[in-house]
């Protein structure tokens, strides 16, 4: 995992934190639903919504990474840096799929 925080991530940090806070609330709601013996299909529906929300954040992070970190690597014209950033994106996409 890279130690640096790229410009895309930094610029959108408050947006990501707000979205993750909302997802945290969804997960707490799931816990409450199970604790209260909510109908299983309703729990599954909420799990699907939470999963979609996480996927949305993931894709937004990939997009920011492409527009900033990968873009900067390409602009540097350093083939080793470009290769490293492309490999990072491919590895991240494999983890998401």
PDB file of N, CA and C in Angstrom:
ATOM      1  N   UNK A   1       0.852  -1.174   0.000  1.00  0.00           N
ATOM      2  CA  UNK A   1       0.000   0.000   0.000  1.00  0.00           C
ATOM      3  C   UNK A   1       0.894   1.232   0.000  1.00  0.00           C
ATOM      4  N   UNK A   2       0.559   2.196  -0.830  1.00  0.00           N
ATOM      5  CA  UNK A   2       1.351   3.420  -0.934  1.00  0.00           C
ATOM      6  C   UNK A   2       1.142   4.279   0.311  1.00  0.00           C
ATOM      7  N   UNK A   3       2.207   4.963   0.716  1.00  0.00           N
ATOM      8  CA  UNK A   3       2.131   5.817   1.894  1.00  0.00           C
ATOM      9  C   UNK A   3       1.619   7.205   1.562  1.00  0.00           C
ATOM     10  N   UNK A   4       1.695   7.588   0.310  1.00  0.00           N
ATOM     11  CA  UNK A   4       1.314   8.950  -0.048  1.00  0.00           C
ATOM     12  C   UNK A   4      -0.188   9.067  -0.266  1.00  0.00           C
ATOM     13  N   UNK A   5      -0.693  10.231   0.020  1.00  0.00           N
ATOM     14  CA  UNK A   5      -2.092  10.536  -0.257  1.00  0.00           C
ATOM     15  C   UNK A   5      -2.090  11.412  -1.492  1.00  0.00           C
ATOM     16  N   UNK A   6      -2.679  10.900  -2.579  1.00  0.00           N
ATOM     17  CA  UNK A   6      -2.662  11.635  -3.835  1.00  0.00           C
ATOM     18  C   UNK A   6      -3.595  12.826  -3.813  1.00  0.00           C
ATOM     19  N   UNK A   7      -3.404  13.739  -4.740  1.00  0.00           N
ATOM     20  CA  UNK A   7      -4.221  14.949  -4.805  1.00  0.00           C
ATOM     21  C   UNK A   7      -5.714  14.655  -4.965  1.00  0.00           C
ATOM     22  N   UNK A   8      -6.063  13.658  -5.750  1.00  0.00           N
ATOM     23  CA  UNK A   8      -7.477  13.340  -5.954  1.00  0.00           C
ATOM     24  C   UNK A   8      -8.152  12.911  -4.671  1.00  0.00           C
ATOM     25  N   UNK A   9      -7.486  12.081  -3.935  1.00  0.00           N
ATOM     26  CA  UNK A   9      -8.018  11.610  -2.658  1.00  0.00           C
ATOM     27  C   UNK A   9      -8.118  12.764  -1.666  1.00  0.00           C
ATOM     28  N   UNK A  10      -7.070  13.549  -1.583  1.00  0.00           N
ATOM     29  CA  UNK A  10      -7.030  14.662  -0.629  1.00  0.00           C
ATOM     30  C   UNK A  10      -8.121  15.687  -0.931  1.00  0.00           C
ATOM     31  N   UNK A  11      -8.284  16.036  -2.187  1.00  0.00           N
ATOM     32  CA  UNK A  11      -9.280  17.039  -2.570  1.00  0.00           C
ATOM     33  C   UNK A  11     -10.709  16.588  -2.268  1.00  0.00           C
ATOM     34  N   UNK A  12     -10.944  15.290  -2.313  1.00  0.00           N
ATOM     35  CA  UNK A  12     -12.297  14.766  -2.118  1.00  0.00           C
ATOM     36  C   UNK A  12     -12.476  14.125  -0.740  1.00  0.00           C
ATOM     37  N   UNK A  13     -11.531  14.337   0.152  1.00  0.00           N
ATOM     38  CA  UNK A  13     -11.546  13.662   1.447  1.00  0.00           C
ATOM     39  C   UNK A  13     -12.860  13.854   2.200  1.00  0.00           C
ATOM     40  N   UNK A  14     -13.349  15.070   2.291  1.00  0.00           N
ATOM     41  CA  UNK A  14     -14.587  15.307   3.050  1.00  0.00           C
ATOM     42  C   UNK A  14     -15.777  14.597   2.400  1.00  0.00           C
ATOM     43  N   UNK A  15     -15.787  14.538   1.079  1.00  0.00           N
ATOM     44  CA  UNK A  15     -16.858  13.835   0.363  1.00  0.00           C
ATOM     45  C   UNK A  15     -16.813  12.337   0.696  1.00  0.00           C
ATOM     46  N   UNK A  16     -15.619  11.769   0.677  1.00  0.00           N
ATOM     47  CA  UNK A  16     -15.482  10.346   0.994  1.00  0.00           C
ATOM     48  C   UNK A  16     -15.838  10.058   2.449  1.00  0.00           C
ATOM     49  N   UNK A  17     -15.398  10.916   3.345  1.00  0.00           N
ATOM     50  CA  UNK A  17     -15.715  10.711   4.761  1.00  0.00           C
ATOM     51  C   UNK A  17     -17.220  10.764   5.004  1.00  0.00           C
ATOM     52  N   UNK A  18     -17.907  11.673   4.335  1.00  0.00           N
ATOM     53  CA  UNK A  18     -19.363  11.771   4.482  1.00  0.00           C
ATOM     54  C   UNK A  18     -20.047  10.510   3.954  1.00  0.00           C
ATOM     55  N   UNK A  19     -19.581  10.033   2.815  1.00  0.00           N
ATOM     56  CA  UNK A  19     -20.178   8.823   2.242  1.00  0.00           C
ATOM     57  C   UNK A  19     -19.925   7.615   3.139  1.00  0.00           C
ATOM     58  N   UNK A  20     -18.706   7.515   3.670  1.00  0.00           N
ATOM     59  CA  UNK A  20     -18.380   6.394   4.552  1.00  0.00           C
ATOM     60  C   UNK A  20     -19.158   6.469   5.864  1.00  0.00           C
ATOM     61  N   UNK A  21     -19.402   7.665   6.340  1.00  0.00           N
ATOM     62  CA  UNK A  21     -20.204   7.845   7.553  1.00  0.00           C
ATOM     63  C   UNK A  21     -21.630   7.333   7.305  1.00  0.00           C
ATOM     64  N   UNK A  22     -22.161   7.632   6.120  1.00  0.00           N
ATOM     65  CA  UNK A  22     -23.495   7.154   5.754  1.00  0.00           C
ATOM     66  C   UNK A  22     -23.515   5.619   5.701  1.00  0.00           C
ATOM     67  N   UNK A  23     -22.467   5.046   5.118  1.00  0.00           N
ATOM     68  CA  UNK A  23     -22.370   3.585   5.029  1.00  0.00           C
ATOM     69  C   UNK A  23     -22.254   2.978   6.427  1.00  0.00           C
ATOM     70  N   UNK A  24     -21.498   3.644   7.282  1.00  0.00           N
ATOM     71  CA  UNK A  24     -21.384   3.187   8.671  1.00  0.00           C
ATOM     72  C   UNK A  24     -22.769   3.126   9.318  1.00  0.00           C
ATOM     73  N   UNK A  25     -23.587   4.120   9.049  1.00  0.00           N
ATOM     74  CA  UNK A  25     -24.958   4.128   9.560  1.00  0.00           C
ATOM     75  C   UNK A  25     -25.775   2.975   8.999  1.00  0.00           C
ATOM     76  N   UNK A  26     -25.569   2.669   7.718  1.00  0.00           N
ATOM     77  CA  UNK A  26     -26.270   1.538   7.111  1.00  0.00           C
ATOM     78  C   UNK A  26     -25.878   0.229   7.800  1.00  0.00           C
ATOM     79  N   UNK A  27     -24.586   0.076   8.090  1.00  0.00           N
ATOM     80  CA  UNK A  27     -24.120  -1.151   8.744  1.00  0.00           C
ATOM     81  C   UNK A  27     -24.694  -1.247  10.159  1.00  0.00           C
ATOM     82  N   UNK A  28     -24.740  -0.140  10.858  1.00  0.00           N
ATOM     83  CA  UNK A  28     -25.368  -0.144  12.192  1.00  0.00           C
ATOM     84  C   UNK A  28     -26.846  -0.531  12.085  1.00  0.00           C
ATOM     85  N   UNK A  29     -27.491  -0.022  11.034  1.00  0.00           N
ATOM     86  CA  UNK A  29     -28.887  -0.382  10.801  1.00  0.00           C
ATOM     87  C   UNK A  29     -29.047  -1.871  10.549  1.00  0.00           C
ATOM     88  N   UNK A  30     -28.106  -2.453   9.823  1.00  0.00           N
ATOM     89  CA  UNK A  30     -28.132  -3.899   9.585  1.00  0.00           C
ATOM     90  C   UNK A  30     -28.011  -4.663  10.900  1.00  0.00           C
ATOM     91  N   UNK A  31     -27.106  -4.222  11.727  1.00  0.00           N
ATOM     92  CA  UNK A  31     -26.923  -4.862  13.033  1.00  0.00           C
ATOM     93  C   UNK A  31     -28.225  -4.813  13.829  1.00  0.00           C
ATOM     94  N   UNK A  32     -28.845  -3.660  13.824  1.00  0.00           N
ATOM     95  CA  UNK A  32     -30.111  -3.478  14.545  1.00  0.00           C
ATOM     96  C   UNK A  32     -31.204  -4.382  13.948  1.00  0.00           C
ATOM     97  N   UNK A  33     -31.237  -4.454  12.614  1.00  0.00           N
ATOM     98  CA  UNK A  33     -32.247  -5.285  11.958  1.00  0.00           C
ATOM     99  C   UNK A  33     -32.108  -6.751  12.375  1.00  0.00           C
ATOM    100  N   UNK A  34     -30.878  -7.248  12.387  1.00  0.00           N
ATOM    101  CA  UNK A  34     -30.657  -8.643  12.779  1.00  0.00           C
ATOM    102  C   UNK A  34     -30.989  -8.827  14.258  1.00  0.00           C
ATOM    103  N   UNK A  35     -30.571  -7.880  15.074  1.00  0.00           N
ATOM    104  CA  UNK A  35     -30.846  -7.951  16.511  1.00  0.00           C
ATOM    105  C   UNK A  35     -32.348  -7.982  16.784  1.00  0.00           C
ATOM    106  N   UNK A  36     -33.118  -7.281  15.962  1.00  0.00           N
ATOM    107  CA  UNK A  36     -34.574  -7.208  16.144  1.00  0.00           C
ATOM    108  C   UNK A  36     -35.328  -8.263  15.341  1.00  0.00           C
ATOM    109  N   UNK A  37     -34.595  -9.241  14.798  1.00  0.00           N
ATOM    110  CA  UNK A  37     -35.196 -10.348  14.038  1.00  0.00           C
ATOM    111  C   UNK A  37     -36.027  -9.873  12.850  1.00  0.00           C
ATOM    112  N   UNK A  38     -35.514  -8.899  12.127  1.00  0.00           N
ATOM    113  CA  UNK A  38     -36.193  -8.390  10.934  1.00  0.00           C
ATOM    114  C   UNK A  38     -36.244  -9.487   9.872  1.00  0.00           C
ATOM    115  N   UNK A  39     -37.283  -9.465   9.083  1.00  0.00           N
ATOM    116  CA  UNK A  39     -37.476 -10.435   7.999  1.00  0.00           C
ATOM    117  C   UNK A  39     -36.223 -10.518   7.131  1.00  0.00           C
ATOM    118  N   UNK A  40     -35.786 -11.743   6.835  1.00  0.00           N
ATOM    119  CA  UNK A  40     -34.496 -11.963   6.166  1.00  0.00           C
ATOM    120  C   UNK A  40     -34.383 -11.244   4.820  1.00  0.00           C
ATOM    121  N   UNK A  41     -35.437 -11.190   4.050  1.00  0.00           N
ATOM    122  CA  UNK A  41     -35.377 -10.520   2.749  1.00  0.00           C
ATOM    123  C   UNK A  41     -35.134  -9.025   2.927  1.00  0.00           C
ATOM    124  N   UNK A  42     -35.709  -8.446   3.955  1.00  0.00           N
ATOM    125  CA  UNK A  42     -35.467  -7.025   4.236  1.00  0.00           C
ATOM    126  C   UNK A  42     -34.007  -6.784   4.623  1.00  0.00           C
ATOM    127  N   UNK A  43     -33.437  -7.705   5.392  1.00  0.00           N
ATOM    128  CA  UNK A  43     -32.020  -7.593   5.762  1.00  0.00           C
ATOM    129  C   UNK A  43     -31.155  -7.717   4.509  1.00  0.00           C
ATOM    130  N   UNK A  44     -31.470  -8.681   3.665  1.00  0.00           N
ATOM    131  CA  UNK A  44     -30.704  -8.871   2.426  1.00  0.00           C
ATOM    132  C   UNK A  44     -30.796  -7.655   1.512  1.00  0.00           C
ATOM    133  N   UNK A  45     -31.951  -7.037   1.462  1.00  0.00           N
ATOM    134  CA  UNK A  45     -32.119  -5.824   0.658  1.00  0.00           C
ATOM    135  C   UNK A  45     -31.216  -4.716   1.173  1.00  0.00           C
ATOM    136  N   UNK A  46     -31.144  -4.578   2.488  1.00  0.00           N
ATOM    137  CA  UNK A  46     -30.279  -3.552   3.076  1.00  0.00           C
ATOM    138  C   UNK A  46     -28.803  -3.890   2.871  1.00  0.00           C
ATOM    139  N   UNK A  47     -28.450  -5.173   2.924  1.00  0.00           N
ATOM    140  CA  UNK A  47     -27.068  -5.584   2.643  1.00  0.00           C
ATOM    141  C   UNK A  47     -26.702  -5.216   1.211  1.00  0.00           C
ATOM    142  N   UNK A  48     -27.616  -5.454   0.278  1.00  0.00           N
ATOM    143  CA  UNK A  48     -27.361  -5.108  -1.125  1.00  0.00           C
ATOM    144  C   UNK A  48     -27.147  -3.609  -1.284  1.00  0.00           C
ATOM    145  N   UNK A  49     -27.945  -2.808  -0.608  1.00  0.00           N
ATOM    146  CA  UNK A  49     -27.799  -1.350  -0.689  1.00  0.00           C
ATOM    147  C   UNK A  49     -26.460  -0.905  -0.113  1.00  0.00           C
ATOM    148  N   UNK A  50     -26.054  -1.511   0.988  1.00  0.00           N
ATOM    149  CA  UNK A  50     -24.775  -1.171   1.616  1.00  0.00           C
ATOM    150  C   UNK A  50     -23.611  -1.575   0.721  1.00  0.00           C
ATOM    151  N   UNK A  51     -23.715  -2.745   0.120  1.00  0.00           N
ATOM    152  CA  UNK A  51     -22.676  -3.214  -0.800  1.00  0.00           C
ATOM    153  C   UNK A  51     -22.548  -2.265  -1.985  1.00  0.00           C
ATOM    154  N   UNK A  52     -23.673  -1.854  -2.548  1.00  0.00           N
ATOM    155  CA  UNK A  52     -23.661  -0.910  -3.674  1.00  0.00           C
ATOM    156  C   UNK A  52     -23.017   0.411  -3.274  1.00  0.00           C
ATOM    157  N   UNK A  53     -23.311   0.878  -2.076  1.00  0.00           N
ATOM    158  CA  UNK A  53     -22.728   2.137  -1.603  1.00  0.00           C
ATOM    159  C   UNK A  53     -21.209   2.019  -1.497  1.00  0.00           C
ATOM    160  N   UNK A  54     -20.718   0.896  -0.983  1.00  0.00           N
ATOM    161  CA  UNK A  54     -19.268   0.680  -0.901  1.00  0.00           C
ATOM    162  C   UNK A  54     -18.644   0.583  -2.291  1.00  0.00           C
ATOM    163  N   UNK A  55     -19.326  -0.099  -3.202  1.00  0.00           N
ATOM    164  CA  UNK A  55     -18.827  -0.191  -4.576  1.00  0.00           C
ATOM    165  C   UNK A  55     -18.741   1.188  -5.218  1.00  0.00           C
ATOM    166  N   UNK A  56     -19.710   2.023  -4.944  1.00  0.00           N
ATOM    167  CA  UNK A  56     -19.721   3.377  -5.492  1.00  0.00           C
ATOM    168  C   UNK A  56     -18.526   4.188  -4.990  1.00  0.00           C
ATOM    169  N   UNK A  57     -18.227   4.080  -3.701  1.00  0.00           N
ATOM    170  CA  UNK A  57     -17.059   4.769  -3.142  1.00  0.00           C
ATOM    171  C   UNK A  57     -15.782   4.213  -3.772  1.00  0.00           C
ATOM    172  N   UNK A  58     -15.714   2.904  -3.920  1.00  0.00           N
ATOM    173  CA  UNK A  58     -14.538   2.274  -4.525  1.00  0.00           C
ATOM    174  C   UNK A  58     -14.296   2.781  -5.938  1.00  0.00           C
ATOM    175  N   UNK A  59     -15.343   2.821  -6.731  1.00  0.00           N
ATOM    176  CA  UNK A  59     -15.195   3.282  -8.113  1.00  0.00           C
ATOM    177  C   UNK A  59     -14.808   4.754  -8.178  1.00  0.00           C
ATOM    178  N   UNK A  60     -15.344   5.555  -7.281  1.00  0.00           N
ATOM    179  CA  UNK A  60     -14.973   6.974  -7.241  1.00  0.00           C
ATOM    180  C   UNK A  60     -13.499   7.132  -6.886  1.00  0.00           C
ATOM    181  N   UNK A  61     -13.008   6.302  -5.962  1.00  0.00           N
ATOM    182  CA  UNK A  61     -11.584   6.351  -5.603  1.00  0.00           C
ATOM    183  C   UNK A  61     -10.701   5.933  -6.776  1.00  0.00           C
ATOM    184  N   UNK A  62     -11.120   4.901  -7.501  1.00  0.00           N
ATOM    185  CA  UNK A  62     -10.364   4.481  -8.687  1.00  0.00           C
ATOM    186  C   UNK A  62     -10.341   5.609  -9.709  1.00  0.00           C
ATOM    187  N   UNK A  63     -11.482   6.241  -9.915  1.00  0.00           N
ATOM    188  CA  UNK A  63     -11.560   7.355 -10.866  1.00  0.00           C
ATOM    189  C   UNK A  63     -10.632   8.499 -10.451  1.00  0.00           C
ATOM    190  N   UNK A  64     -10.661   8.865  -9.182  1.00  0.00           N
ATOM    191  CA  UNK A  64      -9.761   9.921  -8.699  1.00  0.00           C
ATOM    192  C   UNK A  64      -8.300   9.519  -8.884  1.00  0.00           C
ATOM    193  N   UNK A  65      -7.998   8.261  -8.600  1.00  0.00           N
ATOM    194  CA  UNK A  65      -6.626   7.771  -8.763  1.00  0.00           C
ATOM    195  C   UNK A  65      -6.187   7.892 -10.228  1.00  0.00           C
ATOM    196  N   UNK A  66      -7.075   7.518 -11.134  1.00  0.00           N
ATOM    197  CA  UNK A  66      -6.757   7.597 -12.567  1.00  0.00           C
ATOM    198  C   UNK A  66      -6.539   9.046 -13.000  1.00  0.00           C
ATOM    199  N   UNK A  67      -7.416   9.937 -12.561  1.00  0.00           N
ATOM    200  CA  UNK A  67      -7.344  11.338 -12.985  1.00  0.00           C
ATOM    201  C   UNK A  67      -6.181  12.096 -12.370  1.00  0.00           C
ATOM    202  N   UNK A  68      -5.681  11.630 -11.251  1.00  0.00           N
ATOM    203  CA  UNK A  68      -4.610  12.360 -10.583  1.00  0.00           C
ATOM    204  C   UNK A  68      -3.299  11.580 -10.591  1.00  0.00           C
ATOM    205  N   UNK A  69      -3.242  10.485  -9.866  1.00  0.00           N
ATOM    206  CA  UNK A  69      -1.987   9.754  -9.702  1.00  0.00           C
ATOM    207  C   UNK A  69      -1.481   9.164 -11.015  1.00  0.00           C
ATOM    208  N   UNK A  70      -2.371   8.487 -11.748  1.00  0.00           N
ATOM    209  CA  UNK A  70      -1.951   7.893 -13.020  1.00  0.00           C
ATOM    210  C   UNK A  70      -1.661   8.997 -14.037  1.00  0.00           C
ATOM    211  N   UNK A  71      -2.503  10.009 -14.072  1.00  0.00           N
ATOM    212  CA  UNK A  71      -2.278  11.140 -14.976  1.00  0.00           C
ATOM    213  C   UNK A  71      -0.911  11.770 -14.723  1.00  0.00           C
ATOM    214  N   UNK A  72      -0.579  12.002 -13.454  1.00  0.00           N
ATOM    215  CA  UNK A  72       0.718  12.588 -13.108  1.00  0.00           C
ATOM    216  C   UNK A  72       1.869  11.677 -13.514  1.00  0.00           C
ATOM    217  N   UNK A  73       1.681  10.368 -13.363  1.00  0.00           N
ATOM    218  CA  UNK A  73       2.724   9.420 -13.764  1.00  0.00           C
ATOM    219  C   UNK A  73       2.960   9.485 -15.268  1.00  0.00           C
ATOM    220  N   UNK A  74       1.883   9.538 -16.037  1.00  0.00           N
ATOM    221  CA  UNK A  74       2.009   9.633 -17.498  1.00  0.00           C
ATOM    222  C   UNK A  74       2.686  10.942 -17.880  1.00  0.00           C
ATOM    223  N   UNK A  75       2.311  12.026 -17.219  1.00  0.00           N
ATOM    224  CA  UNK A  75       2.913  13.331 -17.510  1.00  0.00           C
ATOM    225  C   UNK A  75       4.405  13.349 -17.189  1.00  0.00           C
ATOM    226  N   UNK A  76       4.826  12.525 -16.236  1.00  0.00           N
ATOM    227  CA  UNK A  76       6.250  12.483 -15.872  1.00  0.00           C
ATOM    228  C   UNK A  76       7.100  11.830 -16.960  1.00  0.00           C
ATOM    229  N   UNK A  77       6.455  11.055 -17.817  1.00  0.00           N
ATOM    230  CA  UNK A  77       7.122  10.320 -18.895  1.00  0.00           C
ATOM    231  C   UNK A  77       8.167   9.338 -18.382  1.00  0.00           C
ATOM    232  N   UNK A  78       8.089   8.978 -17.117  1.00  0.00           N
ATOM    233  CA  UNK A  78       8.986   7.987 -16.514  1.00  0.00           C
ATOM    234  C   UNK A  78       8.304   6.625 -16.628  1.00  0.00           C
ATOM    235  N   UNK A  79       8.806   5.772 -17.510  1.00  0.00           N
ATOM    236  CA  UNK A  79       8.132   4.507 -17.795  1.00  0.00           C
ATOM    237  C   UNK A  79       8.017   3.616 -16.557  1.00  0.00           C
ATOM    238  N   UNK A  80       8.977   3.658 -15.658  1.00  0.00           N
ATOM    239  CA  UNK A  80       8.899   2.841 -14.443  1.00  0.00           C
ATOM    240  C   UNK A  80       7.758   3.318 -13.544  1.00  0.00           C
ATOM    241  N   UNK A  81       7.599   4.621 -13.421  1.00  0.00           N
ATOM    242  CA  UNK A  81       6.522   5.186 -12.596  1.00  0.00           C
ATOM    243  C   UNK A  81       5.171   4.891 -13.238  1.00  0.00           C
ATOM    244  N   UNK A  82       5.087   5.043 -14.549  1.00  0.00           N
ATOM    245  CA  UNK A  82       3.840   4.752 -15.271  1.00  0.00           C
ATOM    246  C   UNK A  82       3.447   3.294 -15.057  1.00  0.00           C
ATOM    247  N   UNK A  83       4.404   2.399 -15.244  1.00  0.00           N
ATOM    248  CA  UNK A  83       4.159   0.963 -15.070  1.00  0.00           C
ATOM    249  C   UNK A  83       3.681   0.661 -13.646  1.00  0.00           C
ATOM    250  N   UNK A  84       4.308   1.282 -12.669  1.00  0.00           N
ATOM    251  CA  UNK A  84       3.931   1.072 -11.270  1.00  0.00           C
ATOM    252  C   UNK A  84       2.485   1.503 -11.019  1.00  0.00           C
ATOM    253  N   UNK A  85       2.110   2.672 -11.527  1.00  0.00           N
ATOM    254  CA  UNK A  85       0.749   3.174 -11.308  1.00  0.00           C
ATOM    255  C   UNK A  85      -0.283   2.316 -12.033  1.00  0.00           C
ATOM    256  N   UNK A  86       0.043   1.872 -13.240  1.00  0.00           N
ATOM    257  CA  UNK A  86      -0.882   1.001 -13.970  1.00  0.00           C
ATOM    258  C   UNK A  86      -1.057  -0.328 -13.247  1.00  0.00           C
ATOM    259  N   UNK A  87       0.046  -0.874 -12.734  1.00  0.00           N
ATOM    260  CA  UNK A  87      -0.033  -2.124 -11.974  1.00  0.00           C
ATOM    261  C   UNK A  87      -0.892  -1.957 -10.723  1.00  0.00           C
ATOM    262  N   UNK A  88      -0.761  -0.800 -10.064  1.00  0.00           N
ATOM    263  CA  UNK A  88      -1.583  -0.522  -8.887  1.00  0.00           C
ATOM    264  C   UNK A  88      -3.069  -0.532  -9.239  1.00  0.00           C
ATOM    265  N   UNK A  89      -3.409   0.111 -10.347  1.00  0.00           N
ATOM    266  CA  UNK A  89      -4.815   0.175 -10.761  1.00  0.00           C
ATOM    267  C   UNK A  89      -5.335  -1.222 -11.094  1.00  0.00           C
ATOM    268  N   UNK A  90      -4.548  -1.985 -11.834  1.00  0.00           N
ATOM    269  CA  UNK A  90      -4.975  -3.337 -12.194  1.00  0.00           C
ATOM    270  C   UNK A  90      -5.168  -4.204 -10.954  1.00  0.00           C
ATOM    271  N   UNK A  91      -4.255  -4.117 -10.009  1.00  0.00           N
ATOM    272  CA  UNK A  91      -4.377  -4.896  -8.769  1.00  0.00           C
ATOM    273  C   UNK A  91      -5.621  -4.467  -7.987  1.00  0.00           C
ATOM    274  N   UNK A  92      -5.869  -3.175  -7.930  1.00  0.00           N
ATOM    275  CA  UNK A  92      -7.054  -2.672  -7.223  1.00  0.00           C
ATOM    276  C   UNK A  92      -8.328  -3.166  -7.903  1.00  0.00           C
ATOM    277  N   UNK A  93      -8.358  -3.116  -9.223  1.00  0.00           N
ATOM    278  CA  UNK A  93      -9.541  -3.572  -9.955  1.00  0.00           C
ATOM    279  C   UNK A  93      -9.777  -5.067  -9.734  1.00  0.00           C
ATOM    280  N   UNK A  94      -8.702  -5.847  -9.691  1.00  0.00           N
ATOM    281  CA  UNK A  94      -8.861  -7.284  -9.430  1.00  0.00           C
ATOM    282  C   UNK A  94      -9.465  -7.523  -8.047  1.00  0.00           C
ATOM    283  N   UNK A  95      -9.045  -6.733  -7.070  1.00  0.00           N
ATOM    284  CA  UNK A  95      -9.588  -6.890  -5.715  1.00  0.00           C
ATOM    285  C   UNK A  95     -11.067  -6.503  -5.667  1.00  0.00           C
ATOM    286  N   UNK A  96     -11.458  -5.552  -6.484  1.00  0.00           N
ATOM    287  CA  UNK A  96     -12.842  -5.081  -6.474  1.00  0.00           C
ATOM    288  C   UNK A  96     -13.796  -6.018  -7.207  1.00  0.00           C
ATOM    289  N   UNK A  97     -13.262  -6.829  -8.092  1.00  0.00           N
ATOM    290  CA  UNK A  97     -14.128  -7.703  -8.902  1.00  0.00           C
ATOM    291  C   UNK A  97     -14.290  -9.068  -8.272  1.00  0.00           C
TER     292      UNK A  97
END
